[in-house]
PDB file of N, CA and C in Angstrom:
ATOM      1  N   UNK A   1     -12.895 -24.613 -45.205  1.00  0.00           N
ATOM      2  CA  UNK A   1     -13.259 -24.210 -43.737  1.00  0.00           C
ATOM      3  C   UNK A   1     -12.412 -24.476 -42.645  1.00  0.00           C
ATOM      4  N   UNK A   2     -11.934 -25.721 -42.578  1.00  0.00           N
ATOM      5  CA  UNK A   2     -11.002 -26.742 -41.678  1.00  0.00           C
ATOM      6  C   UNK A   2      -9.673 -25.840 -41.895  1.00  0.00           C
ATOM      7  N   UNK A   3      -9.480 -25.551 -43.230  1.00  0.00           N
ATOM      8  CA  UNK A   3      -7.989 -24.971 -43.436  1.00  0.00           C
ATOM      9  C   UNK A   3      -8.003 -23.394 -42.798  1.00  0.00           C
ATOM     10  N   UNK A   4      -9.091 -22.737 -42.621  1.00  0.00           N
ATOM     11  CA  UNK A   4      -8.964 -21.369 -42.222  1.00  0.00           C
ATOM     12  C   UNK A   4      -8.906 -21.417 -40.538  1.00  0.00           C
ATOM     13  N   UNK A   5      -9.584 -22.469 -40.097  1.00  0.00           N
ATOM     14  CA  UNK A   5      -9.766 -22.749 -38.516  1.00  0.00           C
ATOM     15  C   UNK A   5      -8.118 -23.375 -38.368  1.00  0.00           C
ATOM     16  N   UNK A   6      -7.749 -24.079 -38.887  1.00  0.00           N
ATOM     17  CA  UNK A   6      -5.975 -24.312 -39.051  1.00  0.00           C
ATOM     18  C   UNK A   6      -5.194 -23.216 -38.770  1.00  0.00           C
ATOM     19  N   UNK A   7      -5.549 -22.339 -39.802  1.00  0.00           N
ATOM     20  CA  UNK A   7      -4.617 -21.231 -40.064  1.00  0.00           C
ATOM     21  C   UNK A   7      -4.754 -20.523 -38.923  1.00  0.00           C
ATOM     22  N   UNK A   8      -5.999 -20.164 -38.327  1.00  0.00           N
ATOM     23  CA  UNK A   8      -6.095 -19.295 -37.532  1.00  0.00           C
ATOM     24  C   UNK A   8      -5.469 -19.981 -35.892  1.00  0.00           C
ATOM     25  N   UNK A   9      -5.584 -21.173 -35.652  1.00  0.00           N
ATOM     26  CA  UNK A   9      -5.077 -21.678 -34.736  1.00  0.00           C
ATOM     27  C   UNK A   9      -3.583 -21.666 -34.716  1.00  0.00           C
ATOM     28  N   UNK A  10      -2.879 -21.841 -35.555  1.00  0.00           N
ATOM     29  CA  UNK A  10      -1.694 -21.490 -35.878  1.00  0.00           C
ATOM     30  C   UNK A  10      -1.250 -20.614 -35.501  1.00  0.00           C
ATOM     31  N   UNK A  11      -1.804 -19.177 -35.963  1.00  0.00           N
ATOM     32  CA  UNK A  11      -1.739 -17.916 -35.850  1.00  0.00           C
ATOM     33  C   UNK A  11      -1.474 -17.646 -34.329  1.00  0.00           C
ATOM     34  N   UNK A  12      -2.575 -17.919 -33.629  1.00  0.00           N
ATOM     35  CA  UNK A  12      -2.928 -17.591 -32.322  1.00  0.00           C
ATOM     36  C   UNK A  12      -1.744 -18.402 -31.540  1.00  0.00           C
ATOM     37  N   UNK A  13      -1.611 -19.511 -31.833  1.00  0.00           N
ATOM     38  CA  UNK A  13      -0.236 -20.428 -31.067  1.00  0.00           C
ATOM     39  C   UNK A  13       1.203 -19.590 -31.466  1.00  0.00           C
ATOM     40  N   UNK A  14       1.349 -18.843 -32.899  1.00  0.00           N
ATOM     41  CA  UNK A  14       2.569 -18.392 -32.682  1.00  0.00           C
ATOM     42  C   UNK A  14       2.497 -16.863 -32.433  1.00  0.00           C
ATOM     43  N   UNK A  15       1.365 -16.264 -32.236  1.00  0.00           N
ATOM     44  CA  UNK A  15       1.370 -15.116 -31.607  1.00  0.00           C
ATOM     45  C   UNK A  15       1.419 -15.009 -30.058  1.00  0.00           C
ATOM     46  N   UNK A  16       1.043 -15.986 -29.409  1.00  0.00           N
ATOM     47  CA  UNK A  16       1.394 -16.281 -28.030  1.00  0.00           C
ATOM     48  C   UNK A  16       2.649 -16.739 -27.452  1.00  0.00           C
ATOM     49  N   UNK A  17       3.716 -17.248 -28.643  1.00  0.00           N
ATOM     50  CA  UNK A  17       4.652 -17.790 -27.950  1.00  0.00           C
ATOM     51  C   UNK A  17       5.886 -16.659 -28.513  1.00  0.00           C
ATOM     52  N   UNK A  18       6.237 -16.374 -27.094  1.00  0.00           N
ATOM     53  CA  UNK A  18       7.443 -15.395 -27.430  1.00  0.00           C
ATOM     54  C   UNK A  18       8.622 -15.608 -27.349  1.00  0.00           C
ATOM     55  N   UNK A  19       9.406 -15.941 -28.217  1.00  0.00           N
ATOM     56  CA  UNK A  19      10.822 -16.612 -28.108  1.00  0.00           C
ATOM     57  C   UNK A  19      12.025 -15.858 -27.741  1.00  0.00           C
ATOM     58  N   UNK A  20      11.620 -14.334 -27.796  1.00  0.00           N
ATOM     59  CA  UNK A  20      12.448 -13.399 -27.578  1.00  0.00           C
ATOM     60  C   UNK A  20      12.495 -12.913 -26.004  1.00  0.00           C
ATOM     61  N   UNK A  21      11.504 -13.658 -25.203  1.00  0.00           N
ATOM     62  CA  UNK A  21      11.727 -13.029 -23.696  1.00  0.00           C
ATOM     63  C   UNK A  21      12.359 -14.030 -23.068  1.00  0.00           C
ATOM     64  N   UNK A  22      13.244 -13.207 -22.327  1.00  0.00           N
ATOM     65  CA  UNK A  22      14.415 -13.832 -21.596  1.00  0.00           C
ATOM     66  C   UNK A  22      13.644 -14.273 -19.994  1.00  0.00           C
ATOM     67  N   UNK A  23      14.542 -15.191 -19.460  1.00  0.00           N
ATOM     68  CA  UNK A  23      13.781 -15.829 -18.454  1.00  0.00           C
ATOM     69  C   UNK A  23      14.821 -15.542 -16.979  1.00  0.00           C
ATOM     70  N   UNK A  24      15.326 -14.406 -17.231  1.00  0.00           N
ATOM     71  CA  UNK A  24      16.202 -13.603 -16.026  1.00  0.00           C
ATOM     72  C   UNK A  24      15.213 -13.107 -15.058  1.00  0.00           C
ATOM     73  N   UNK A  25      13.961 -12.730 -15.146  1.00  0.00           N
ATOM     74  CA  UNK A  25      13.193 -12.286 -14.147  1.00  0.00           C
ATOM     75  C   UNK A  25      12.747 -11.073 -14.480  1.00  0.00           C
ATOM     76  N   UNK A  26      13.363 -10.482 -15.480  1.00  0.00           N
ATOM     77  CA  UNK A  26      12.961  -8.783 -16.003  1.00  0.00           C
ATOM     78  C   UNK A  26      11.655  -9.020 -16.506  1.00  0.00           C
ATOM     79  N   UNK A  27      10.765  -8.219 -16.127  1.00  0.00           N
ATOM     80  CA  UNK A  27       9.372  -8.017 -17.004  1.00  0.00           C
ATOM     81  C   UNK A  27       8.655  -6.637 -16.674  1.00  0.00           C
ATOM     82  N   UNK A  28       7.857  -6.584 -17.202  1.00  0.00           N
ATOM     83  CA  UNK A  28       7.265  -4.872 -17.712  1.00  0.00           C
ATOM     84  C   UNK A  28       7.183  -4.482 -16.189  1.00  0.00           C
ATOM     85  N   UNK A  29       6.477  -4.978 -15.043  1.00  0.00           N
ATOM     86  CA  UNK A  29       6.372  -4.633 -13.830  1.00  0.00           C
ATOM     87  C   UNK A  29       7.399  -4.892 -13.051  1.00  0.00           C
ATOM     88  N   UNK A  30       8.736  -5.136 -13.471  1.00  0.00           N
ATOM     89  CA  UNK A  30       9.670  -5.255 -12.437  1.00  0.00           C
ATOM     90  C   UNK A  30      10.087  -4.233 -11.318  1.00  0.00           C
ATOM     91  N   UNK A  31       9.881  -2.971 -11.879  1.00  0.00           N
ATOM     92  CA  UNK A  31      10.221  -2.139 -10.846  1.00  0.00           C
ATOM     93  C   UNK A  31       8.933  -1.799  -9.810  1.00  0.00           C
ATOM     94  N   UNK A  32       7.752  -2.216 -10.125  1.00  0.00           N
ATOM     95  CA  UNK A  32       6.624  -2.039  -9.101  1.00  0.00           C
ATOM     96  C   UNK A  32       6.806  -3.022  -8.135  1.00  0.00           C
ATOM     97  N   UNK A  33       7.145  -4.672  -8.724  1.00  0.00           N
ATOM     98  CA  UNK A  33       7.227  -5.533  -7.975  1.00  0.00           C
ATOM     99  C   UNK A  33       8.242  -5.355  -7.221  1.00  0.00           C
ATOM    100  N   UNK A  34       9.398  -4.980  -7.247  1.00  0.00           N
ATOM    101  CA  UNK A  34      10.630  -4.823  -6.437  1.00  0.00           C
ATOM    102  C   UNK A  34      10.239  -3.765  -5.404  1.00  0.00           C
ATOM    103  N   UNK A  35       9.465  -2.710  -5.720  1.00  0.00           N
ATOM    104  CA  UNK A  35       9.271  -1.796  -4.926  1.00  0.00           C
ATOM    105  C   UNK A  35       8.021  -2.342  -3.925  1.00  0.00           C
ATOM    106  N   UNK A  36       7.287  -3.341  -4.342  1.00  0.00           N
ATOM    107  CA  UNK A  36       6.135  -3.986  -3.319  1.00  0.00           C
ATOM    108  C   UNK A  36       7.272  -4.800  -2.207  1.00  0.00           C
ATOM    109  N   UNK A  37       8.389  -5.491  -2.935  1.00  0.00           N
ATOM    110  CA  UNK A  37       9.373  -6.307  -2.156  1.00  0.00           C
ATOM    111  C   UNK A  37       9.905  -5.380  -0.859  1.00  0.00           C
ATOM    112  N   UNK A  38      10.324  -4.237  -1.433  1.00  0.00           N
ATOM    113  CA  UNK A  38      11.236  -3.404  -0.428  1.00  0.00           C
ATOM    114  C   UNK A  38      10.110  -2.845   0.695  1.00  0.00           C
ATOM    115  N   UNK A  39       8.878  -2.581   0.226  1.00  0.00           N
ATOM    116  CA  UNK A  39       7.660  -2.509   1.106  1.00  0.00           C
ATOM    117  C   UNK A  39       7.536  -3.413   2.178  1.00  0.00           C
ATOM    118  N   UNK A  40       7.466  -4.675   1.854  1.00  0.00           N
ATOM    119  CA  UNK A  40       7.197  -5.815   2.598  1.00  0.00           C
ATOM    120  C   UNK A  40       8.364  -5.792   3.522  1.00  0.00           C
ATOM    121  N   UNK A  41       9.333  -5.836   2.915  1.00  0.00           N
ATOM    122  CA  UNK A  41      10.462  -5.822   4.019  1.00  0.00           C
ATOM    123  C   UNK A  41      10.555  -4.588   5.107  1.00  0.00           C
ATOM    124  N   UNK A  42      10.371  -3.493   4.799  1.00  0.00           N
ATOM    125  CA  UNK A  42      10.107  -2.183   5.463  1.00  0.00           C
ATOM    126  C   UNK A  42       9.089  -2.428   6.599  1.00  0.00           C
ATOM    127  N   UNK A  43       7.751  -3.023   5.965  1.00  0.00           N
ATOM    128  CA  UNK A  43       6.868  -3.745   6.731  1.00  0.00           C
ATOM    129  C   UNK A  43       6.960  -4.528   8.007  1.00  0.00           C
ATOM    130  N   UNK A  44       7.784  -5.478   7.803  1.00  0.00           N
ATOM    131  CA  UNK A  44       8.641  -6.561   8.495  1.00  0.00           C
ATOM    132  C   UNK A  44       9.421  -5.746   9.618  1.00  0.00           C
ATOM    133  N   UNK A  45      10.225  -5.038   9.166  1.00  0.00           N
ATOM    134  CA  UNK A  45      11.131  -4.205   9.941  1.00  0.00           C
ATOM    135  C   UNK A  45      10.362  -3.378  11.123  1.00  0.00           C
ATOM    136  N   UNK A  46       9.088  -2.716  10.848  1.00  0.00           N
ATOM    137  CA  UNK A  46       8.491  -1.894  11.778  1.00  0.00           C
ATOM    138  C   UNK A  46       7.409  -3.019  12.719  1.00  0.00           C
ATOM    139  N   UNK A  47       7.204  -4.249  12.077  1.00  0.00           N
ATOM    140  CA  UNK A  47       6.613  -4.935  12.820  1.00  0.00           C
ATOM    141  C   UNK A  47       7.527  -5.762  14.239  1.00  0.00           C
ATOM    142  N   UNK A  48       8.486  -5.750  13.806  1.00  0.00           N
ATOM    143  CA  UNK A  48       9.636  -6.275  14.742  1.00  0.00           C
ATOM    144  C   UNK A  48      10.071  -5.326  15.484  1.00  0.00           C
ATOM    145  N   UNK A  49      10.166  -3.954  15.273  1.00  0.00           N
ATOM    146  CA  UNK A  49      10.311  -3.027  16.204  1.00  0.00           C
ATOM    147  C   UNK A  49       9.223  -2.555  17.050  1.00  0.00           C
ATOM    148  N   UNK A  50       7.890  -2.810  16.602  1.00  0.00           N
ATOM    149  CA  UNK A  50       6.921  -2.765  17.418  1.00  0.00           C
ATOM    150  C   UNK A  50       6.590  -3.723  18.394  1.00  0.00           C
ATOM    151  N   UNK A  51       7.094  -5.220  18.117  1.00  0.00           N
ATOM    152  CA  UNK A  51       6.896  -6.454  18.908  1.00  0.00           C
ATOM    153  C   UNK A  51       8.191  -5.970  20.214  1.00  0.00           C
ATOM    154  N   UNK A  52       9.155  -5.755  19.725  1.00  0.00           N
ATOM    155  CA  UNK A  52      10.256  -5.475  20.669  1.00  0.00           C
ATOM    156  C   UNK A  52       9.756  -4.386  21.918  1.00  0.00           C
ATOM    157  N   UNK A  53       9.218  -3.285  20.990  1.00  0.00           N
ATOM    158  CA  UNK A  53       8.785  -2.271  21.934  1.00  0.00           C
ATOM    159  C   UNK A  53       7.703  -2.721  22.857  1.00  0.00           C
ATOM    160  N   UNK A  54       6.633  -3.473  22.653  1.00  0.00           N
ATOM    161  CA  UNK A  54       5.924  -4.062  23.108  1.00  0.00           C
ATOM    162  C   UNK A  54       6.247  -4.954  24.469  1.00  0.00           C
ATOM    163  N   UNK A  55       7.122  -5.932  23.749  1.00  0.00           N
ATOM    164  CA  UNK A  55       7.754  -6.759  25.302  1.00  0.00           C
ATOM    165  C   UNK A  55       8.560  -5.732  25.931  1.00  0.00           C
ATOM    166  N   UNK A  56       9.140  -4.750  25.588  1.00  0.00           N
ATOM    167  CA  UNK A  56      10.234  -4.125  26.593  1.00  0.00           C
ATOM    168  C   UNK A  56       9.062  -3.365  27.747  1.00  0.00           C
ATOM    169  N   UNK A  57       8.097  -2.977  26.987  1.00  0.00           N
ATOM    170  CA  UNK A  57       6.833  -2.163  27.948  1.00  0.00           C
ATOM    171  C   UNK A  57       6.239  -3.132  28.781  1.00  0.00           C
ATOM    172  N   UNK A  58       5.981  -4.275  28.445  1.00  0.00           N
ATOM    173  CA  UNK A  58       5.410  -5.394  29.218  1.00  0.00           C
ATOM    174  C   UNK A  58       6.602  -5.855  30.477  1.00  0.00           C
ATOM    175  N   UNK A  59       7.897  -5.992  30.191  1.00  0.00           N
ATOM    176  CA  UNK A  59       8.961  -6.226  31.077  1.00  0.00           C
ATOM    177  C   UNK A  59       8.807  -5.108  32.115  1.00  0.00           C
ATOM    178  N   UNK A  60       8.798  -3.869  31.798  1.00  0.00           N
ATOM    179  CA  UNK A  60       8.867  -2.879  32.742  1.00  0.00           C
ATOM    180  C   UNK A  60       7.650  -2.860  33.686  1.00  0.00           C
ATOM    181  N   UNK A  61       6.318  -3.018  33.132  1.00  0.00           N
ATOM    182  CA  UNK A  61       5.386  -3.034  34.020  1.00  0.00           C
ATOM    183  C   UNK A  61       5.290  -4.202  34.809  1.00  0.00           C
ATOM    184  N   UNK A  62       5.944  -5.248  34.694  1.00  0.00           N
ATOM    185  CA  UNK A  62       5.618  -6.438  35.706  1.00  0.00           C
ATOM    186  C   UNK A  62       6.490  -6.056  36.782  1.00  0.00           C
TER     187      UNK A  62
END
């Protein structure tokens, strides 16, 4: 019984470790995460433009 448990644990450990995985940042969802990053950049750009417009309107009303 102990040998069976030991063999199962070793199989799980070996199955979970992937030596072929590269650490260069590429992964299954790379396209999606890149798109999310671009969306955040666009959101920041729009927020900055809205803030500038708000400041301009406040300067003109004073």
